[in-house]
Amino acid sequence: MENREFLAEWHPQWGVLLAWPHPDTDWADNLDAAETCYAAIVSAISLRERVLLLCHDDAHQAHIDSVLSAVTHNAANVHCVQMPYNDTWARDFGFITVKQAGKPLLLDFTFTAWGGKFEAALDNAVNQRLAHHPLLSGNTLETYPLVMEGGSLETDGQGTLLTTEICLLNPNRNPTLDRSAIESQLRSALGVERILWLAHGHLEGDDTDAHIDTLARFADPHSIVYMSCTDPTDSHYKPLQAMEAELQALRQSNGEPYRLFPIPLPEAIYADGRRLAASYVNFLIINGAVLLPVYADECFDPVAIEQMQAAFPHHVIIPIDCRALIAQNGSLHCITMQIPHEVVNV
């Protein structure tokens, strides 16, 4: 059997999967602001590739069309699919794509809303429903009992996986599996050869138990962008300093250290007395561009944009205000899942 290839996010894309908020989700109290943010994201993606957009029913789809009509977008690139879903975190319940023998395989891991924190039965069924959609029905969908979320898995596209111990070894996910067993299943499903574990790093207000996509991301096979903290009075200082030391000690498969791009935490943002998990590394790579979450931070937003442009010199950096998203404890990458170009034959 030929080895599998876990495709990097910068692999050429057909489009991006999103699920539009609706009043029956936790977005209800912040729906207008959330929809404004979603519209900006859909707009930016649709001008460069397609959007596979989940919605509830005809009325919801008509409402989305109305919201999108207020922004510049390519309507022909937005494909709405009606189905039920609990929430909108497509990164974590959406299918993960690998290639084997030149063909894509769609992997459907079990989604339990980060260890049973919320209701997730409908979200866990999304991939089974999507597999029957005409755009995707030519693909093989493999379903796994392993509890796993896309936001916890970061790859360089060359056989290396970067992840966190706090999430993957958390007993609220796969309590009967130890590190060795989890590694074995990930190697088999994803085809990865190396698994790099981070033991430190976590953002306050993060429901995911330290998803890697809030902390450290590959910009290319040789470079990692990561959240940093230089303020000793910040609660994140010690864990992020420890994570930085871990990243400095990591080596590429050729033995060379990674090129590291630190991005400072934005100023603390609070809601109802709790700190929100604002992260600049929760960005989305699309064809020719990087969508960067920003937070109306006059000090650190420009630093993040500058560092991201240095890490992605051949991409356009598109800042998008994601304050509405972090109100629900996630950001831009969390609500999106890229679809490689091989997946859809149109």
C-alpha atoms as a PDB file:
ATOM      1  CA  MET A   1       0.000   0.000   0.000  1.00  0.00           C
ATOM      2  CA  GLU A   2       1.363   3.410  -0.962  1.00  0.00           C
ATOM      3  CA  ASN A   3       2.134   5.867   1.803  1.00  0.00           C
ATOM      4  CA  ARG A   4      -0.339   8.603   2.585  1.00  0.00           C
ATOM      5  CA  GLU A   5       0.445  12.304   2.385  1.00  0.00           C
ATOM      6  CA  PHE A   6      -1.109  14.721   4.876  1.00  0.00           C
ATOM      7  CA  LEU A   7      -1.448  17.847   2.751  1.00  0.00           C
ATOM      8  CA  ALA A   8      -0.159  21.166   4.066  1.00  0.00           C
ATOM      9  CA  GLU A   9      -2.570  24.082   4.199  1.00  0.00           C
ATOM     10  CA  TRP A  10      -0.648  25.853   1.420  1.00  0.00           C
ATOM     11  CA  HIS A  11      -1.354  22.977  -0.980  1.00  0.00           C
ATOM     12  CA  PRO A  12      -3.445  24.342  -3.904  1.00  0.00           C
ATOM     13  CA  GLN A  13      -7.079  24.584  -2.847  1.00  0.00           C
ATOM     14  CA  TRP A  14     -10.448  24.163  -4.506  1.00  0.00           C
ATOM     15  CA  GLY A  15     -11.979  26.154  -1.695  1.00  0.00           C
ATOM     16  CA  VAL A  16     -12.793  26.398   1.995  1.00  0.00           C
ATOM     17  CA  LEU A  17     -15.558  24.858   4.130  1.00  0.00           C
ATOM     18  CA  LEU A  18     -17.469  27.122   6.537  1.00  0.00           C
ATOM     19  CA  ALA A  19     -20.730  26.830   8.486  1.00  0.00           C
ATOM     20  CA  TRP A  20     -22.707  30.076   8.727  1.00  0.00           C
ATOM     21  CA  PRO A  21     -23.964  31.026  12.226  1.00  0.00           C
ATOM     22  CA  HIS A  22     -27.674  30.789  12.910  1.00  0.00           C
ATOM     23  CA  PRO A  23     -29.940  31.760  15.825  1.00  0.00           C
ATOM     24  CA  ASP A  24     -29.971  28.218  17.250  1.00  0.00           C
ATOM     25  CA  THR A  25     -26.213  28.319  17.889  1.00  0.00           C
ATOM     26  CA  ASP A  26     -24.310  30.050  20.678  1.00  0.00           C
ATOM     27  CA  TRP A  27     -23.864  32.979  18.287  1.00  0.00           C
ATOM     28  CA  ALA A  28     -27.460  34.089  18.904  1.00  0.00           C
ATOM     29  CA  ASP A  29     -26.537  36.931  21.285  1.00  0.00           C
ATOM     30  CA  ASN A  30     -23.812  38.228  18.955  1.00  0.00           C
ATOM     31  CA  LEU A  31     -25.251  37.216  15.601  1.00  0.00           C
ATOM     32  CA  ASP A  32     -24.991  40.518  13.707  1.00  0.00           C
ATOM     33  CA  ALA A  33     -21.320  41.010  14.579  1.00  0.00           C
ATOM     34  CA  ALA A  34     -20.545  37.367  13.814  1.00  0.00           C
ATOM     35  CA  GLU A  35     -22.256  37.584  10.424  1.00  0.00           C
ATOM     36  CA  THR A  36     -20.301  40.729   9.565  1.00  0.00           C
ATOM     37  CA  CYS A  37     -17.086  38.837  10.272  1.00  0.00           C
ATOM     38  CA  TYR A  38     -18.216  35.768   8.323  1.00  0.00           C
ATOM     39  CA  ALA A  39     -19.157  37.965   5.374  1.00  0.00           C
ATOM     40  CA  ALA A  40     -15.679  39.508   5.323  1.00  0.00           C
ATOM     41  CA  ILE A  41     -14.084  36.058   5.382  1.00  0.00           C
ATOM     42  CA  VAL A  42     -16.359  34.615   2.686  1.00  0.00           C
ATOM     43  CA  SER A  43     -15.723  37.710   0.577  1.00  0.00           C
ATOM     44  CA  ALA A  44     -11.939  37.375   0.782  1.00  0.00           C
ATOM     45  CA  ILE A  45     -12.010  33.664   0.000  1.00  0.00           C
ATOM     46  CA  SER A  46     -14.548  33.875  -2.830  1.00  0.00           C
ATOM     47  CA  LEU A  47     -12.427  36.375  -4.747  1.00  0.00           C
ATOM     48  CA  ARG A  48      -9.627  33.783  -4.919  1.00  0.00           C
ATOM     49  CA  GLU A  49     -11.289  30.355  -4.725  1.00  0.00           C
ATOM     50  CA  ARG A  50     -14.571  28.685  -3.765  1.00  0.00           C
ATOM     51  CA  VAL A  51     -16.518  28.531  -0.537  1.00  0.00           C
ATOM     52  CA  LEU A  52     -18.513  25.459   0.503  1.00  0.00           C
ATOM     53  CA  LEU A  53     -20.948  27.065   2.911  1.00  0.00           C
ATOM     54  CA  LEU A  54     -23.195  25.129   5.265  1.00  0.00           C
ATOM     55  CA  CYS A  55     -26.585  26.675   6.009  1.00  0.00           C
ATOM     56  CA  HIS A  56     -29.780  25.418   7.638  1.00  0.00           C
ATOM     57  CA  ASP A  57     -32.616  25.806   5.134  1.00  0.00           C
ATOM     58  CA  ASP A  58     -33.993  27.956   2.315  1.00  0.00           C
ATOM     59  CA  ALA A  59     -34.775  30.887   4.603  1.00  0.00           C
ATOM     60  CA  HIS A  60     -31.312  30.795   6.145  1.00  0.00           C
ATOM     61  CA  GLN A  61     -29.704  30.615   2.703  1.00  0.00           C
ATOM     62  CA  ALA A  62     -31.735  33.603   1.504  1.00  0.00           C
ATOM     63  CA  HIS A  63     -30.676  35.533   4.594  1.00  0.00           C
ATOM     64  CA  ILE A  64     -27.005  34.711   3.936  1.00  0.00           C
ATOM     65  CA  ASP A  65     -27.357  35.880   0.341  1.00  0.00           C
ATOM     66  CA  SER A  66     -28.741  39.162   1.647  1.00  0.00           C
ATOM     67  CA  VAL A  67     -25.848  39.624   4.079  1.00  0.00           C
ATOM     68  CA  LEU A  68     -23.271  38.808   1.397  1.00  0.00           C
ATOM     69  CA  SER A  69     -24.885  41.240  -1.038  1.00  0.00           C
ATOM     70  CA  ALA A  70     -23.528  44.065   1.130  1.00  0.00           C
ATOM     71  CA  VAL A  71     -19.893  43.042   0.526  1.00  0.00           C
ATOM     72  CA  THR A  72     -17.786  42.531  -2.568  1.00  0.00           C
ATOM     73  CA  HIS A  73     -17.700  38.823  -3.326  1.00  0.00           C
ATOM     74  CA  ASN A  74     -17.851  36.347  -6.186  1.00  0.00           C
ATOM     75  CA  ALA A  75     -21.304  34.815  -5.791  1.00  0.00           C
ATOM     76  CA  ALA A  76     -20.524  32.128  -8.389  1.00  0.00           C
ATOM     77  CA  ASN A  77     -17.815  30.809  -6.060  1.00  0.00           C
ATOM     78  CA  VAL A  78     -20.135  30.400  -3.058  1.00  0.00           C
ATOM     79  CA  HIS A  79     -21.813  26.974  -2.926  1.00  0.00           C
ATOM     80  CA  CYS A  80     -24.430  26.633  -0.167  1.00  0.00           C
ATOM     81  CA  VAL A  81     -25.235  23.207   1.259  1.00  0.00           C
ATOM     82  CA  GLN A  82     -28.254  22.824   3.533  1.00  0.00           C
ATOM     83  CA  MET A  83     -27.973  20.533   6.553  1.00  0.00           C
ATOM     84  CA  PRO A  84     -28.360  20.629  10.346  1.00  0.00           C
ATOM     85  CA  TYR A  85     -25.366  21.472  12.546  1.00  0.00           C
ATOM     86  CA  ASN A  86     -24.857  22.364  16.200  1.00  0.00           C
ATOM     87  CA  ASP A  87     -22.196  25.023  15.826  1.00  0.00           C
ATOM     88  CA  THR A  88     -19.798  26.487  13.292  1.00  0.00           C
ATOM     89  CA  TRP A  89     -16.272  25.253  14.132  1.00  0.00           C
ATOM     90  CA  ALA A  90     -15.587  23.643  10.759  1.00  0.00           C
ATOM     91  CA  ARG A  91     -11.869  23.270  11.469  1.00  0.00           C
ATOM     92  CA  ASP A  92     -12.623  20.714  14.130  1.00  0.00           C
ATOM     93  CA  PHE A  93     -15.504  18.709  12.659  1.00  0.00           C
ATOM     94  CA  GLY A  94     -14.690  19.101   8.951  1.00  0.00           C
ATOM     95  CA  PHE A  95     -13.015  16.288   7.015  1.00  0.00           C
ATOM     96  CA  ILE A  96      -9.220  16.164   6.826  1.00  0.00           C
ATOM     97  CA  THR A  97      -7.708  15.420   3.419  1.00  0.00           C
ATOM     98  CA  VAL A  98      -4.785  13.118   2.707  1.00  0.00           C
ATOM     99  CA  LYS A  99      -3.549  11.767  -0.612  1.00  0.00           C
ATOM    100  CA  GLN A 100      -2.808   8.142  -1.400  1.00  0.00           C
ATOM    101  CA  ALA A 101      -1.792   6.804  -4.813  1.00  0.00           C
ATOM    102  CA  GLY A 102      -2.485  10.252  -6.243  1.00  0.00           C
ATOM    103  CA  LYS A 103      -6.091  10.332  -5.042  1.00  0.00           C
ATOM    104  CA  PRO A 104      -7.628  12.246  -2.128  1.00  0.00           C
ATOM    105  CA  LEU A 105      -9.037  10.470   0.909  1.00  0.00           C
ATOM    106  CA  LEU A 106     -11.399  12.305   3.245  1.00  0.00           C
ATOM    107  CA  LEU A 107     -10.832  11.416   6.903  1.00  0.00           C
ATOM    108  CA  ASP A 108     -13.768  11.675   9.287  1.00  0.00           C
ATOM    109  CA  PHE A 109     -12.558  11.553  12.887  1.00  0.00           C
ATOM    110  CA  THR A 110     -14.999  11.498  15.798  1.00  0.00           C
ATOM    111  CA  PHE A 111     -15.920  14.972  17.041  1.00  0.00           C
ATOM    112  CA  THR A 112     -17.148  15.347  20.635  1.00  0.00           C
ATOM    113  CA  ALA A 113     -16.913  19.149  21.013  1.00  0.00           C
ATOM    114  CA  TRP A 114     -13.512  19.094  22.721  1.00  0.00           C
ATOM    115  CA  GLY A 115     -14.105  16.277  25.136  1.00  0.00           C
ATOM    116  CA  GLY A 116     -17.857  16.533  25.609  1.00  0.00           C
ATOM    117  CA  LYS A 117     -18.010  20.210  26.575  1.00  0.00           C
ATOM    118  CA  PHE A 118     -21.019  20.867  24.300  1.00  0.00           C
ATOM    119  CA  GLU A 119     -23.612  19.019  22.216  1.00  0.00           C
ATOM    120  CA  ALA A 120     -22.000  17.816  18.988  1.00  0.00           C
ATOM    121  CA  ALA A 121     -24.013  14.968  17.440  1.00  0.00           C
ATOM    122  CA  LEU A 122     -25.070  17.019  14.407  1.00  0.00           C
ATOM    123  CA  ASP A 123     -21.564  18.381  13.852  1.00  0.00           C
ATOM    124  CA  ASN A 124     -20.161  14.864  14.058  1.00  0.00           C
ATOM    125  CA  ALA A 125     -22.533  13.829  11.232  1.00  0.00           C
ATOM    126  CA  VAL A 126     -21.602  16.676   8.851  1.00  0.00           C
ATOM    127  CA  ASN A 127     -18.920  14.742   6.967  1.00  0.00           C
ATOM    128  CA  GLN A 128     -21.216  11.776   6.365  1.00  0.00           C
ATOM    129  CA  ARG A 129     -23.783  14.141   4.862  1.00  0.00           C
ATOM    130  CA  LEU A 130     -21.198  16.046   2.831  1.00  0.00           C
ATOM    131  CA  ALA A 131     -19.870  12.803   1.365  1.00  0.00           C
ATOM    132  CA  HIS A 132     -23.155  12.414  -0.543  1.00  0.00           C
ATOM    133  CA  HIS A 133     -23.090  15.926  -1.995  1.00  0.00           C
ATOM    134  CA  PRO A 134     -22.478  15.975  -5.781  1.00  0.00           C
ATOM    135  CA  LEU A 135     -19.332  18.081  -5.369  1.00  0.00           C
ATOM    136  CA  LEU A 136     -17.734  15.506  -3.061  1.00  0.00           C
ATOM    137  CA  SER A 137     -19.444  12.193  -3.833  1.00  0.00           C
ATOM    138  CA  GLY A 138     -16.579  10.896  -5.965  1.00  0.00           C
ATOM    139  CA  ASN A 139     -14.292  10.632  -2.939  1.00  0.00           C
ATOM    140  CA  THR A 140     -13.724   7.909  -0.372  1.00  0.00           C
ATOM    141  CA  LEU A 141     -14.654   8.898   3.188  1.00  0.00           C
ATOM    142  CA  GLU A 142     -12.893   6.976   5.957  1.00  0.00           C
ATOM    143  CA  THR A 143     -14.516   7.163   9.386  1.00  0.00           C
ATOM    144  CA  TYR A 144     -12.490   6.730  12.577  1.00  0.00           C
ATOM    145  CA  PRO A 145     -13.590   6.183  16.189  1.00  0.00           C
ATOM    146  CA  LEU A 146     -10.504   8.162  17.272  1.00  0.00           C
ATOM    147  CA  VAL A 147     -11.558  11.500  18.787  1.00  0.00           C
ATOM    148  CA  MET A 148      -9.581  14.186  16.982  1.00  0.00           C
ATOM    149  CA  GLU A 149     -10.045  17.787  15.830  1.00  0.00           C
ATOM    150  CA  GLY A 150      -8.451  19.478  12.848  1.00  0.00           C
ATOM    151  CA  GLY A 151      -7.258  22.399  14.954  1.00  0.00           C
ATOM    152  CA  SER A 152      -5.053  20.041  16.943  1.00  0.00           C
ATOM    153  CA  LEU A 153      -3.080  18.858  13.894  1.00  0.00           C
ATOM    154  CA  GLU A 154      -0.498  20.979  12.052  1.00  0.00           C
ATOM    155  CA  THR A 155       1.576  19.566   9.186  1.00  0.00           C
ATOM    156  CA  ASP A 156       4.443  20.724   6.988  1.00  0.00           C
ATOM    157  CA  GLY A 157       3.165  18.569   4.113  1.00  0.00           C
ATOM    158  CA  GLN A 158       6.409  16.584   4.178  1.00  0.00           C
ATOM    159  CA  GLY A 159       5.614  13.979   6.795  1.00  0.00           C
ATOM    160  CA  THR A 160       5.945  16.033   9.991  1.00  0.00           C
ATOM    161  CA  LEU A 161       3.072  16.658  12.410  1.00  0.00           C
ATOM    162  CA  LEU A 162       3.168  19.352  15.110  1.00  0.00           C
ATOM    163  CA  THR A 163       0.751  19.034  18.023  1.00  0.00           C
ATOM    164  CA  THR A 164       0.275  19.569  21.765  1.00  0.00           C
ATOM    165  CA  GLU A 165       0.296  17.179  24.701  1.00  0.00           C
ATOM    166  CA  ILE A 166      -2.355  19.142  26.606  1.00  0.00           C
ATOM    167  CA  CYS A 167      -4.917  18.403  23.896  1.00  0.00           C
ATOM    168  CA  LEU A 168      -4.090  15.032  22.378  1.00  0.00           C
ATOM    169  CA  LEU A 169      -3.183  13.351  25.675  1.00  0.00           C
ATOM    170  CA  ASN A 170      -6.131  14.845  27.540  1.00  0.00           C
ATOM    171  CA  PRO A 171      -8.240  12.064  29.124  1.00  0.00           C
ATOM    172  CA  ASN A 172     -11.403  13.817  27.901  1.00  0.00           C
ATOM    173  CA  ARG A 173     -10.597  12.746  24.310  1.00  0.00           C
ATOM    174  CA  ASN A 174      -9.306   9.162  24.083  1.00  0.00           C
ATOM    175  CA  PRO A 175      -8.948   8.009  27.710  1.00  0.00           C
ATOM    176  CA  THR A 176      -7.976   4.416  26.864  1.00  0.00           C
ATOM    177  CA  LEU A 177      -5.117   5.425  24.547  1.00  0.00           C
ATOM    178  CA  ASP A 178      -1.625   6.445  25.647  1.00  0.00           C
ATOM    179  CA  ARG A 179       0.816   8.544  23.628  1.00  0.00           C
ATOM    180  CA  SER A 180       2.195   5.533  21.771  1.00  0.00           C
ATOM    181  CA  ALA A 181      -1.262   4.334  20.727  1.00  0.00           C
ATOM    182  CA  ILE A 182      -2.330   7.803  19.586  1.00  0.00           C
ATOM    183  CA  GLU A 183       0.885   8.208  17.601  1.00  0.00           C
ATOM    184  CA  SER A 184       0.337   4.826  15.963  1.00  0.00           C
ATOM    185  CA  GLN A 185      -3.184   5.732  14.860  1.00  0.00           C
ATOM    186  CA  LEU A 186      -2.102   9.147  13.560  1.00  0.00           C
ATOM    187  CA  ARG A 187       0.771   7.648  11.587  1.00  0.00           C
ATOM    188  CA  SER A 188      -1.592   5.122  10.034  1.00  0.00           C
ATOM    189  CA  ALA A 189      -4.407   7.561   9.212  1.00  0.00           C
ATOM    190  CA  LEU A 190      -2.350  10.584   8.159  1.00  0.00           C
ATOM    191  CA  GLY A 191       0.805   8.960   6.836  1.00  0.00           C
ATOM    192  CA  VAL A 192       3.048  11.190   8.963  1.00  0.00           C
ATOM    193  CA  GLU A 193       6.558  10.005   9.793  1.00  0.00           C
ATOM    194  CA  ARG A 194       7.503  12.443  12.566  1.00  0.00           C
ATOM    195  CA  ILE A 195       5.315  13.750  15.387  1.00  0.00           C
ATOM    196  CA  LEU A 196       6.635  16.793  17.245  1.00  0.00           C
ATOM    197  CA  TRP A 197       4.982  17.340  20.623  1.00  0.00           C
ATOM    198  CA  LEU A 198       4.792  20.619  22.530  1.00  0.00           C
ATOM    199  CA  ALA A 199       4.326  20.221  26.282  1.00  0.00           C
ATOM    200  CA  HIS A 200       3.773  23.919  27.004  1.00  0.00           C
ATOM    201  CA  GLY A 201       1.512  26.686  25.781  1.00  0.00           C
ATOM    202  CA  HIS A 202      -2.152  27.500  26.348  1.00  0.00           C
ATOM    203  CA  LEU A 203      -4.353  30.561  25.916  1.00  0.00           C
ATOM    204  CA  GLU A 204      -6.871  31.697  28.503  1.00  0.00           C
ATOM    205  CA  GLY A 205     -10.429  31.408  27.233  1.00  0.00           C
ATOM    206  CA  ASP A 206      -9.590  28.493  24.929  1.00  0.00           C
ATOM    207  CA  ASP A 207     -12.165  25.671  25.033  1.00  0.00           C
ATOM    208  CA  THR A 208     -10.006  23.323  22.968  1.00  0.00           C
ATOM    209  CA  ASP A 209      -7.377  22.386  25.573  1.00  0.00           C
ATOM    210  CA  ALA A 210      -4.516  24.069  23.692  1.00  0.00           C
ATOM    211  CA  HIS A 211      -5.080  23.418  20.011  1.00  0.00           C
ATOM    212  CA  ILE A 212      -1.850  23.867  18.096  1.00  0.00           C
ATOM    213  CA  ASP A 213      -3.553  26.255  15.654  1.00  0.00           C
ATOM    214  CA  THR A 214      -3.794  28.874  18.417  1.00  0.00           C
ATOM    215  CA  LEU A 215      -0.117  28.553  19.342  1.00  0.00           C
ATOM    216  CA  ALA A 216       2.288  27.584  16.536  1.00  0.00           C
ATOM    217  CA  ARG A 217       1.881  27.057  12.784  1.00  0.00           C
ATOM    218  CA  PHE A 218       4.046  26.088   9.840  1.00  0.00           C
ATOM    219  CA  ALA A 219       4.553  28.880   7.292  1.00  0.00           C
ATOM    220  CA  ASP A 220       6.494  26.479   5.064  1.00  0.00           C
ATOM    221  CA  PRO A 221       8.374  23.215   5.731  1.00  0.00           C
ATOM    222  CA  HIS A 222      11.263  25.167   7.275  1.00  0.00           C
ATOM    223  CA  SER A 223       9.482  27.941   9.211  1.00  0.00           C
ATOM    224  CA  ILE A 224       7.144  28.195  12.203  1.00  0.00           C
ATOM    225  CA  VAL A 225       5.076  31.217  13.262  1.00  0.00           C
ATOM    226  CA  TYR A 226       4.207  31.208  16.960  1.00  0.00           C
ATOM    227  CA  MET A 227       2.610  33.239  19.734  1.00  0.00           C
ATOM    228  CA  SER A 228       5.092  34.860  22.096  1.00  0.00           C
ATOM    229  CA  CYS A 229       4.870  36.818  25.329  1.00  0.00           C
ATOM    230  CA  THR A 230       7.547  39.145  26.698  1.00  0.00           C
ATOM    231  CA  ASP A 231       5.496  40.655  29.535  1.00  0.00           C
ATOM    232  CA  PRO A 232       6.427  38.934  32.829  1.00  0.00           C
ATOM    233  CA  THR A 233       3.191  40.193  34.411  1.00  0.00           C
ATOM    234  CA  ASP A 234       1.015  38.377  31.851  1.00  0.00           C
ATOM    235  CA  SER A 235      -0.335  34.975  32.899  1.00  0.00           C
ATOM    236  CA  HIS A 236       0.793  33.589  29.537  1.00  0.00           C
ATOM    237  CA  TYR A 237       4.425  34.594  30.065  1.00  0.00           C
ATOM    238  CA  LYS A 238       5.825  31.418  31.622  1.00  0.00           C
ATOM    239  CA  PRO A 239       3.974  28.859  29.451  1.00  0.00           C
ATOM    240  CA  LEU A 240       4.695  30.727  26.205  1.00  0.00           C
ATOM    241  CA  GLN A 241       8.344  31.254  27.161  1.00  0.00           C
ATOM    242  CA  ALA A 242       8.573  27.509  27.814  1.00  0.00           C
ATOM    243  CA  MET A 243       6.904  26.789  24.473  1.00  0.00           C
ATOM    244  CA  GLU A 244       9.346  29.118  22.718  1.00  0.00           C
ATOM    245  CA  ALA A 245      12.252  27.157  24.195  1.00  0.00           C
ATOM    246  CA  GLU A 246      10.684  23.938  22.917  1.00  0.00           C
ATOM    247  CA  LEU A 247      10.311  25.383  19.424  1.00  0.00           C
ATOM    248  CA  GLN A 248      13.926  26.541  19.453  1.00  0.00           C
ATOM    249  CA  ALA A 249      14.986  22.985  20.296  1.00  0.00           C
ATOM    250  CA  LEU A 250      12.946  21.349  17.517  1.00  0.00           C
ATOM    251  CA  ARG A 251      14.769  20.169  14.415  1.00  0.00           C
ATOM    252  CA  GLN A 252      13.692  19.612  10.844  1.00  0.00           C
ATOM    253  CA  SER A 253      14.078  16.130   9.378  1.00  0.00           C
ATOM    254  CA  ASN A 254      17.478  17.224   8.005  1.00  0.00           C
ATOM    255  CA  GLY A 255      18.687  18.166  11.489  1.00  0.00           C
ATOM    256  CA  GLU A 256      18.499  21.921  10.934  1.00  0.00           C
ATOM    257  CA  PRO A 257      16.606  24.186  13.363  1.00  0.00           C
ATOM    258  CA  TYR A 258      13.401  25.807  12.206  1.00  0.00           C
ATOM    259  CA  ARG A 259      13.265  29.445  11.198  1.00  0.00           C
ATOM    260  CA  LEU A 260      11.041  31.000  13.863  1.00  0.00           C
ATOM    261  CA  PHE A 261       8.743  34.014  13.584  1.00  0.00           C
ATOM    262  CA  PRO A 262       7.465  35.162  17.002  1.00  0.00           C
ATOM    263  CA  ILE A 263       4.266  37.203  17.086  1.00  0.00           C
ATOM    264  CA  PRO A 264       3.332  38.920  20.355  1.00  0.00           C
ATOM    265  CA  LEU A 265       0.016  38.398  22.063  1.00  0.00           C
ATOM    266  CA  PRO A 266      -2.461  41.201  21.449  1.00  0.00           C
ATOM    267  CA  GLU A 267      -3.485  43.318  24.405  1.00  0.00           C
ATOM    268  CA  ALA A 268      -5.785  41.364  26.689  1.00  0.00           C
ATOM    269  CA  ILE A 269      -9.441  41.427  25.623  1.00  0.00           C
ATOM    270  CA  TYR A 270     -12.110  40.658  28.212  1.00  0.00           C
ATOM    271  CA  ALA A 271     -15.828  39.871  28.121  1.00  0.00           C
ATOM    272  CA  ASP A 272     -17.922  39.376  31.254  1.00  0.00           C
ATOM    273  CA  GLY A 273     -14.757  39.306  33.327  1.00  0.00           C
ATOM    274  CA  ARG A 274     -13.036  36.540  31.373  1.00  0.00           C
ATOM    275  CA  ARG A 275     -10.074  36.867  29.047  1.00  0.00           C
ATOM    276  CA  LEU A 276     -10.709  35.877  25.431  1.00  0.00           C
ATOM    277  CA  ALA A 277      -8.381  33.657  23.409  1.00  0.00           C
ATOM    278  CA  ALA A 278      -7.132  36.199  20.873  1.00  0.00           C
ATOM    279  CA  SER A 279      -4.379  34.693  18.708  1.00  0.00           C
ATOM    280  CA  TYR A 280      -2.702  35.974  15.568  1.00  0.00           C
ATOM    281  CA  VAL A 281      -1.511  32.513  14.544  1.00  0.00           C
ATOM    282  CA  ASN A 282      -5.098  31.366  14.017  1.00  0.00           C
ATOM    283  CA  PHE A 283      -4.698  32.468  10.393  1.00  0.00           C
ATOM    284  CA  LEU A 284      -5.934  30.729   7.232  1.00  0.00           C
ATOM    285  CA  ILE A 285      -3.739  30.122   4.195  1.00  0.00           C
ATOM    286  CA  ILE A 286      -5.616  30.231   0.881  1.00  0.00           C
ATOM    287  CA  ASN A 287      -4.442  30.417  -2.723  1.00  0.00           C
ATOM    288  CA  GLY A 288      -2.061  33.367  -2.884  1.00  0.00           C
ATOM    289  CA  ALA A 289      -3.132  34.964   0.388  1.00  0.00           C
ATOM    290  CA  VAL A 290      -3.214  34.592   4.156  1.00  0.00           C
ATOM    291  CA  LEU A 291      -6.294  35.712   6.077  1.00  0.00           C
ATOM    292  CA  LEU A 292      -4.980  37.118   9.353  1.00  0.00           C
ATOM    293  CA  PRO A 293      -7.222  37.626  12.389  1.00  0.00           C
ATOM    294  CA  VAL A 294      -6.732  41.051  13.961  1.00  0.00           C
ATOM    295  CA  TYR A 295      -8.342  42.620  17.007  1.00  0.00           C
ATOM    296  CA  ALA A 296      -8.397  46.435  16.606  1.00  0.00           C
ATOM    297  CA  ASP A 297      -5.108  46.526  18.517  1.00  0.00           C
ATOM    298  CA  GLU A 298      -3.211  49.652  17.472  1.00  0.00           C
ATOM    299  CA  CYS A 299       0.017  48.364  18.998  1.00  0.00           C
ATOM    300  CA  PHE A 300       0.193  44.698  18.052  1.00  0.00           C
ATOM    301  CA  ASP A 301      -1.957  44.300  14.916  1.00  0.00           C
ATOM    302  CA  PRO A 302       0.702  46.076  12.792  1.00  0.00           C
ATOM    303  CA  VAL A 303       3.449  43.926  14.316  1.00  0.00           C
ATOM    304  CA  ALA A 304       1.499  40.782  13.477  1.00  0.00           C
ATOM    305  CA  ILE A 305       0.936  41.939   9.895  1.00  0.00           C
ATOM    306  CA  GLU A 306       4.644  42.725   9.480  1.00  0.00           C
ATOM    307  CA  GLN A 307       5.770  39.381  10.892  1.00  0.00           C
ATOM    308  CA  MET A 308       3.266  37.463   8.801  1.00  0.00           C
ATOM    309  CA  GLN A 309       4.446  39.203   5.649  1.00  0.00           C
ATOM    310  CA  ALA A 310       8.011  38.219   6.538  1.00  0.00           C
ATOM    311  CA  ALA A 311       6.933  34.608   7.065  1.00  0.00           C
ATOM    312  CA  PHE A 312       4.819  34.584   3.874  1.00  0.00           C
ATOM    313  CA  PRO A 313       6.743  36.807   1.417  1.00  0.00           C
ATOM    314  CA  HIS A 314       4.853  35.480  -1.612  1.00  0.00           C
ATOM    315  CA  HIS A 315       1.348  35.842  -0.156  1.00  0.00           C
ATOM    316  CA  VAL A 316      -0.952  38.812   0.260  1.00  0.00           C
ATOM    317  CA  ILE A 317      -1.717  39.334   3.958  1.00  0.00           C
ATOM    318  CA  ILE A 318      -5.406  40.189   4.441  1.00  0.00           C
ATOM    319  CA  PRO A 319      -6.264  41.390   7.973  1.00  0.00           C
ATOM    320  CA  ILE A 320      -9.795  40.615   9.140  1.00  0.00           C
ATOM    321  CA  ASP A 321     -11.311  41.922  12.376  1.00  0.00           C
ATOM    322  CA  CYS A 322     -12.150  38.791  14.384  1.00  0.00           C
ATOM    323  CA  ARG A 323     -13.228  40.283  17.699  1.00  0.00           C
ATOM    324  CA  ALA A 324     -16.697  38.832  17.143  1.00  0.00           C
ATOM    325  CA  LEU A 325     -15.256  35.329  16.808  1.00  0.00           C
ATOM    326  CA  ILE A 326     -13.199  35.304  19.999  1.00  0.00           C
ATOM    327  CA  ALA A 327     -16.368  36.161  21.917  1.00  0.00           C
ATOM    328  CA  GLN A 328     -17.181  32.471  21.316  1.00  0.00           C
ATOM    329  CA  ASN A 329     -13.632  31.347  22.175  1.00  0.00           C
ATOM    330  CA  GLY A 330     -12.290  30.770  18.654  1.00  0.00           C
ATOM    331  CA  SER A 331     -10.961  32.743  15.727  1.00  0.00           C
ATOM    332  CA  LEU A 332     -10.536  32.662  11.958  1.00  0.00           C
ATOM    333  CA  HIS A 333      -8.791  29.320  11.445  1.00  0.00           C
ATOM    334  CA  CYS A 334     -11.212  27.633  13.836  1.00  0.00           C
ATOM    335  CA  ILE A 335     -14.237  28.308  11.607  1.00  0.00           C
ATOM    336  CA  THR A 336     -12.626  27.207   8.327  1.00  0.00           C
ATOM    337  CA  MET A 337     -11.339  23.991   6.726  1.00  0.00           C
ATOM    338  CA  GLN A 338      -9.476  24.071   3.438  1.00  0.00           C
ATOM    339  CA  ILE A 339     -10.486  21.708   0.618  1.00  0.00           C
ATOM    340  CA  PRO A 340      -7.543  20.701  -1.621  1.00  0.00           C
ATOM    341  CA  HIS A 341      -8.076  21.104  -5.357  1.00  0.00           C
ATOM    342  CA  GLU A 342      -8.011  17.341  -6.016  1.00  0.00           C
ATOM    343  CA  VAL A 343     -11.129  16.784  -3.900  1.00  0.00           C
ATOM    344  CA  VAL A 344     -13.643  18.446  -6.234  1.00  0.00           C
ATOM    345  CA  ASN A 345     -13.666  17.643  -9.941  1.00  0.00           C
ATOM    346  CA  VAL A 346     -15.438  20.635 -11.487  1.00  0.00           C
END
